[in-house]
Amino acid sequence: MKPTFFSITILLVLLTSCGKQSSDYKSLKAQNDSLMNVKLALQNEVDGYFSAMNLIEQNIEKIKNTQNTISILPLGQDLNDDQRTKINEDMVYLSEMLQANKDELARLKEKLKKSGFKSNELERTISRLSESLEEETAKTAILQAQLLAKDSLITQLGSTVIDLGKNVEELSTEVKVKETKIKEQDETIHTAWYVFGTRKELKEQKIITSDGFFSPQRVLQSDFNKNYFVRIDARNTKSIPLYSTRAKILTSHPKSSYTLEKENDNFVMLIVNTSEFWSVSKYLVIEVE
């Protein structure tokens, strides 16, 4: 039986369709393979981070165990040479381990910084490990100082450990300076000022000004007297007694963040949302009678 024109047409359509499907399949497969390669590379990178951090955590435990071993040894004039040698070796080991792990953490930080991969959990873990290493560094320095105080015959400590001991006081001072700076910054961030007074008093202190009789009143526009204000911690100040039967807020603060209530016929400002209230201005000006 000879093929008809209709059967030949159907065959051509089917062959064309199969060819197109084959082309689409290859394109989709190539895209899928590319995505799988990206996923595999990302997984390997993440695995590398966690593998390195797990090793650092294990090393920190080794450092702690070595510190504990040294701290329970009986120290005195009857300490033999072998014991002193072992202590010296352990102290050098501690110093080298601390430095090696600090270097590895620095490498991880730099690698994560350059990488396109971002993870808050990884950054928090690296930060926690850095703090742990600094803590163990301080403990090792203190331990070395204790060893030298208890047994004057331990004199062969490695140079890096000796330097570590010399820096104990410097480390302590640095920590105190940082704590003081953080406290000062925290107080500055949360400091606010308020003042209340009659229109005349506020004008005398240049807190409110007006260029003319018909000019609008302006607040804190010129060189006003800052010493006239009361300094407060914005986090802890929830109420401000105004000692007046009339009160008008002149500075900008969200109305939903405060209320004016009367107590014994006098107004008291109640701040119901401190962060919202001080978000616009750290200065509060209230006009009273």
Protein backbone atom coordinates (compact mmCIF):
# COMPACT_ATOMS: atom_id res chain seq x y z
CA MET A 1 0.00 0.00 0.00
CA LYS A 2 1.47 3.33 -1.03
CA PRO A 3 1.65 6.13 1.54
CA THR A 4 -0.85 8.90 0.94
CA PHE A 5 -0.15 12.61 1.13
CA PHE A 6 -2.09 12.79 4.42
CA SER A 7 -0.04 10.04 6.09
CA ILE A 8 3.21 11.66 4.97
CA THR A 9 2.06 15.03 6.44
CA ILE A 10 1.23 13.43 9.82
CA LEU A 11 4.64 11.74 9.90
CA LEU A 12 6.43 15.05 9.24
CA VAL A 13 4.46 16.80 12.02
CA LEU A 14 5.33 14.04 14.48
CA LEU A 15 9.02 14.14 13.58
CA THR A 16 9.09 17.95 13.91
CA SER A 17 7.33 17.78 17.30
CA CYS A 18 9.74 15.16 18.58
CA GLY A 19 12.69 17.25 17.47
CA LYS A 20 11.35 20.33 19.28
CA GLN A 21 10.64 18.34 22.45
CA SER A 22 14.16 16.93 22.30
CA SER A 23 15.61 20.44 22.02
CA ASP A 24 13.50 21.73 24.95
CA TYR A 25 14.51 18.72 27.03
CA LYS A 26 18.21 19.35 26.42
CA SER A 27 17.80 23.04 27.33
CA LEU A 28 15.93 22.22 30.55
CA LYS A 29 18.44 19.53 31.43
CA ALA A 30 21.33 21.97 30.91
CA GLN A 31 19.62 24.52 33.19
CA ASN A 32 18.97 21.85 35.81
CA ASP A 33 22.59 20.65 35.68
CA SER A 34 23.79 24.24 36.09
CA LEU A 35 21.55 24.78 39.12
CA MET A 36 22.69 21.50 40.63
CA ASN A 37 26.33 22.54 40.20
CA VAL A 38 25.64 25.89 41.89
CA LYS A 39 23.80 24.13 44.71
CA LEU A 40 26.64 21.64 45.14
CA ALA A 41 29.26 24.41 45.20
CA LEU A 42 27.24 26.35 47.80
CA GLN A 43 26.77 23.21 49.90
CA ASN A 44 30.51 22.49 49.78
CA GLU A 45 31.27 26.08 50.83
CA VAL A 46 28.86 25.91 53.77
CA ASP A 47 30.19 22.49 54.77
CA GLY A 48 33.70 23.95 54.70
CA TYR A 49 32.70 26.76 57.08
CA PHE A 50 31.06 24.44 59.57
CA SER A 51 33.86 21.87 59.35
CA ALA A 52 36.43 24.57 60.20
CA MET A 53 34.28 25.97 63.03
CA ASN A 54 33.68 22.51 64.50
CA LEU A 55 37.44 21.93 64.51
CA ILE A 56 37.99 25.28 66.29
CA GLU A 57 35.38 24.32 68.90
CA GLN A 58 37.18 21.01 69.46
CA ASN A 59 40.47 22.88 69.82
CA ILE A 60 38.93 25.24 72.38
CA GLU A 61 37.90 22.20 74.43
CA LYS A 62 41.49 20.87 74.19
CA ILE A 63 42.76 24.25 75.37
CA LYS A 64 40.38 24.16 78.35
CA ASN A 65 41.40 20.60 79.24
CA THR A 66 45.08 21.53 79.12
CA GLN A 67 44.44 24.57 81.33
CA ASN A 68 42.60 22.38 83.85
CA THR A 69 45.41 19.84 83.86
CA ILE A 70 48.00 22.51 84.62
CA SER A 71 45.86 24.24 87.26
CA ILE A 72 45.44 21.08 89.38
CA LEU A 73 49.16 20.22 89.49
CA PRO A 74 50.68 20.75 92.96
CA LEU A 75 53.21 23.54 92.60
CA GLY A 76 56.08 24.04 95.00
CA GLN A 77 59.80 23.63 95.54
CA ASP A 78 59.48 19.81 95.32
CA LEU A 79 58.33 20.01 91.69
CA ASN A 80 60.74 17.86 89.70
CA ASP A 81 62.33 18.75 86.36
CA ASP A 82 60.05 16.46 84.36
CA GLN A 83 56.96 18.16 85.78
CA ARG A 84 58.36 21.61 85.05
CA THR A 85 59.26 20.57 81.51
CA LYS A 86 55.73 19.23 80.99
CA ILE A 87 54.22 22.50 82.24
CA ASN A 88 56.49 24.52 79.94
CA GLU A 89 55.49 22.38 76.98
CA ASP A 90 51.80 22.67 77.82
CA MET A 91 52.02 26.44 78.10
CA VAL A 92 53.77 26.70 74.72
CA TYR A 93 51.10 24.37 73.30
CA LEU A 94 48.35 26.61 74.66
CA SER A 95 49.92 29.70 73.15
CA GLU A 96 50.40 28.10 69.74
CA MET A 97 46.88 26.62 69.72
CA LEU A 98 45.31 29.96 70.60
CA GLN A 99 47.20 31.79 67.87
CA ALA A 100 46.55 29.11 65.24
CA ASN A 101 42.80 29.15 65.89
CA LYS A 102 42.69 32.95 65.87
CA ASP A 103 44.41 32.90 62.47
CA GLU A 104 41.91 30.31 61.19
CA LEU A 105 38.97 32.41 62.38
CA ALA A 106 40.44 35.48 60.69
CA ARG A 107 40.71 33.45 57.47
CA LEU A 108 37.07 32.35 57.76
CA LYS A 109 35.92 35.93 58.34
CA GLU A 110 37.78 37.15 55.26
CA LYS A 111 36.48 34.28 53.14
CA LEU A 112 32.88 34.88 54.24
CA LYS A 113 33.29 38.62 53.58
CA LYS A 114 34.44 38.00 49.98
CA SER A 115 31.87 35.27 49.34
CA GLY A 116 28.46 35.99 47.87
CA PHE A 117 26.96 33.71 50.51
CA LYS A 118 25.42 35.52 53.49
CA SER A 119 24.38 33.85 56.72
CA ASN A 120 23.58 35.57 60.01
CA GLU A 121 23.98 32.26 61.83
CA LEU A 122 27.49 31.77 60.46
CA GLU A 123 28.49 35.31 61.42
CA ARG A 124 27.09 34.84 64.94
CA THR A 125 28.96 31.53 65.32
CA ILE A 126 32.25 33.08 64.18
CA SER A 127 31.71 35.99 66.58
CA ARG A 128 30.99 33.57 69.44
CA LEU A 129 34.14 31.56 68.69
CA SER A 130 36.20 34.76 68.60
CA GLU A 131 34.90 35.73 72.04
CA SER A 132 35.67 32.22 73.36
CA LEU A 133 39.24 32.40 72.08
CA GLU A 134 39.76 35.82 73.66
CA GLU A 135 38.41 34.47 76.93
CA GLU A 136 40.76 31.47 76.82
CA THR A 137 43.66 33.78 75.94
CA ALA A 138 43.00 35.81 79.09
CA LYS A 139 42.69 32.62 81.19
CA THR A 140 46.00 31.31 79.83
CA ALA A 141 47.71 34.59 80.66
CA ILE A 142 46.35 34.51 84.21
CA LEU A 143 47.39 30.85 84.56
CA GLN A 144 50.94 31.68 83.48
CA ALA A 145 51.13 34.50 86.02
CA GLN A 146 49.94 32.11 88.74
CA LEU A 147 52.54 29.54 87.73
CA LEU A 148 55.34 32.06 87.92
CA ALA A 149 54.12 33.24 91.32
CA LYS A 150 53.89 29.71 92.77
CA ASP A 151 57.08 28.24 91.36
CA SER A 152 59.94 30.59 90.58
CA LEU A 153 61.87 27.72 88.97
CA ILE A 154 59.55 27.65 85.96
CA THR A 155 61.60 30.01 83.80
CA GLN A 156 61.76 28.28 80.43
CA LEU A 157 58.38 29.34 79.10
CA GLY A 158 58.14 30.10 75.40
CA SER A 159 58.61 33.72 74.34
CA THR A 160 55.05 33.99 73.04
CA VAL A 161 53.68 32.84 76.38
CA ILE A 162 55.87 35.31 78.25
CA ASP A 163 54.57 38.10 76.02
CA LEU A 164 51.07 36.87 76.72
CA GLY A 165 51.66 37.18 80.45
CA LYS A 166 53.02 40.70 80.08
CA ASN A 167 49.85 41.69 78.26
CA VAL A 168 47.42 40.56 80.98
CA GLU A 169 47.18 44.02 82.51
CA GLU A 170 47.00 45.65 79.09
CA LEU A 171 44.17 43.31 78.06
CA SER A 172 42.30 44.05 81.26
CA THR A 173 42.72 47.80 80.77
CA GLU A 174 41.63 47.56 77.14
CA VAL A 175 38.48 45.66 78.11
CA LYS A 176 37.63 48.28 80.75
CA VAL A 177 38.19 51.11 78.27
CA LYS A 178 35.93 49.41 75.72
CA GLU A 179 33.23 48.78 78.33
CA THR A 180 33.37 52.44 79.40
CA LYS A 181 33.17 53.60 75.79
CA ILE A 182 30.21 51.33 75.06
CA LYS A 183 28.45 52.60 78.18
CA GLU A 184 29.07 56.22 77.21
CA GLN A 185 27.83 55.59 73.67
CA ASP A 186 24.76 53.84 75.01
CA GLU A 187 24.01 56.76 77.35
CA THR A 188 24.50 59.25 74.51
CA ILE A 189 22.15 57.37 72.21
CA HIS A 190 19.40 57.25 74.83
CA THR A 191 19.87 60.75 76.24
CA ALA A 192 17.04 63.27 75.78
CA TRP A 193 16.26 66.76 77.09
CA TYR A 194 13.04 68.43 78.13
CA VAL A 195 11.94 71.83 79.37
CA PHE A 196 8.65 73.42 80.33
CA GLY A 197 7.95 77.04 81.07
CA THR A 198 5.77 80.02 80.30
CA ARG A 199 5.95 81.71 76.91
CA LYS A 200 7.95 84.54 78.48
CA GLU A 201 10.46 82.17 80.09
CA LEU A 202 10.92 80.17 76.90
CA LYS A 203 11.48 83.36 74.89
CA GLU A 204 14.01 84.66 77.40
CA GLN A 205 16.03 81.47 76.90
CA LYS A 206 15.64 81.74 73.09
CA ILE A 207 13.89 78.37 73.04
CA ILE A 208 11.01 79.92 71.11
CA THR A 209 11.41 82.92 68.82
CA SER A 210 9.29 85.16 66.62
CA ASP A 211 10.49 87.80 64.16
CA GLY A 212 7.39 89.96 64.52
CA PHE A 213 3.92 90.26 65.93
CA PHE A 214 2.34 88.44 62.99
CA SER A 215 5.25 86.04 62.39
CA PRO A 216 4.76 82.37 63.24
CA GLN A 217 6.36 81.08 66.41
CA ARG A 218 9.49 79.02 65.89
CA VAL A 219 10.94 76.44 68.29
CA LEU A 220 14.64 75.70 68.78
CA GLN A 221 15.59 77.69 65.71
CA SER A 222 18.29 79.95 67.14
CA ASP A 223 21.08 79.73 69.71
CA PHE A 224 18.86 78.55 72.54
CA ASN A 225 20.06 77.96 76.09
CA LYS A 226 20.70 74.20 76.30
CA ASN A 227 21.56 74.47 79.99
CA TYR A 228 17.94 75.36 80.68
CA PHE A 229 16.89 71.84 79.70
CA VAL A 230 16.68 68.81 81.99
CA ARG A 231 18.76 65.86 80.80
CA ILE A 232 17.10 62.42 81.11
CA ASP A 233 17.46 58.79 80.07
CA ALA A 234 14.78 58.43 77.41
CA ARG A 235 14.35 54.71 78.16
CA ASN A 236 13.41 55.19 81.80
CA THR A 237 11.46 58.45 81.81
CA LYS A 238 7.76 57.59 81.58
CA SER A 239 6.14 60.66 83.16
CA ILE A 240 6.91 64.36 83.50
CA PRO A 241 4.90 66.46 86.00
CA LEU A 242 4.20 69.92 84.57
CA TYR A 243 2.72 71.67 87.66
CA SER A 244 0.29 73.64 85.52
CA THR A 245 -3.40 73.64 84.63
CA ARG A 246 -2.50 74.34 81.01
CA ALA A 247 0.08 72.59 78.80
CA LYS A 248 0.95 72.75 75.12
CA ILE A 249 3.55 70.58 73.36
CA LEU A 250 5.64 72.79 71.05
CA THR A 251 8.06 70.21 69.62
CA SER A 252 7.13 67.42 67.20
CA HIS A 253 6.31 64.05 68.77
CA PRO A 254 3.89 61.35 67.53
CA LYS A 255 0.56 61.99 69.24
CA SER A 256 -0.04 58.28 69.72
CA SER A 257 3.12 58.00 71.86
CA TYR A 258 1.99 60.22 74.77
CA THR A 259 -0.97 61.53 76.71
CA LEU A 260 -1.61 64.53 78.93
CA GLU A 261 -3.38 63.57 82.14
CA LYS A 262 -4.47 65.64 85.11
CA GLU A 263 -3.40 64.86 88.65
CA ASN A 264 -4.64 67.20 91.39
CA ASP A 265 -5.76 69.70 88.72
CA ASN A 266 -2.25 69.87 87.21
CA PHE A 267 -1.11 68.24 83.98
CA VAL A 268 1.32 65.31 83.83
CA MET A 269 2.78 64.09 80.55
CA LEU A 270 2.73 60.29 80.26
CA ILE A 271 4.99 58.75 77.61
CA VAL A 272 3.36 55.48 76.56
CA ASN A 273 5.88 54.56 73.84
CA THR A 274 9.36 55.92 74.56
CA SER A 275 11.08 54.81 71.33
CA GLU A 276 8.31 56.27 69.17
CA PHE A 277 8.05 59.46 71.24
CA TRP A 278 11.75 60.37 70.89
CA SER A 279 12.07 59.17 67.30
CA VAL A 280 11.43 62.63 65.81
CA SER A 281 13.31 64.83 68.27
CA LYS A 282 15.49 64.33 71.34
CA TYR A 283 14.27 67.70 72.67
CA LEU A 284 10.87 68.22 74.29
CA VAL A 285 9.51 71.74 74.77
CA ILE A 286 6.25 72.36 76.66
CA GLU A 287 4.58 75.71 77.16
CA VAL A 288 2.70 76.08 80.46
CA GLU A 289 1.02 78.91 82.35
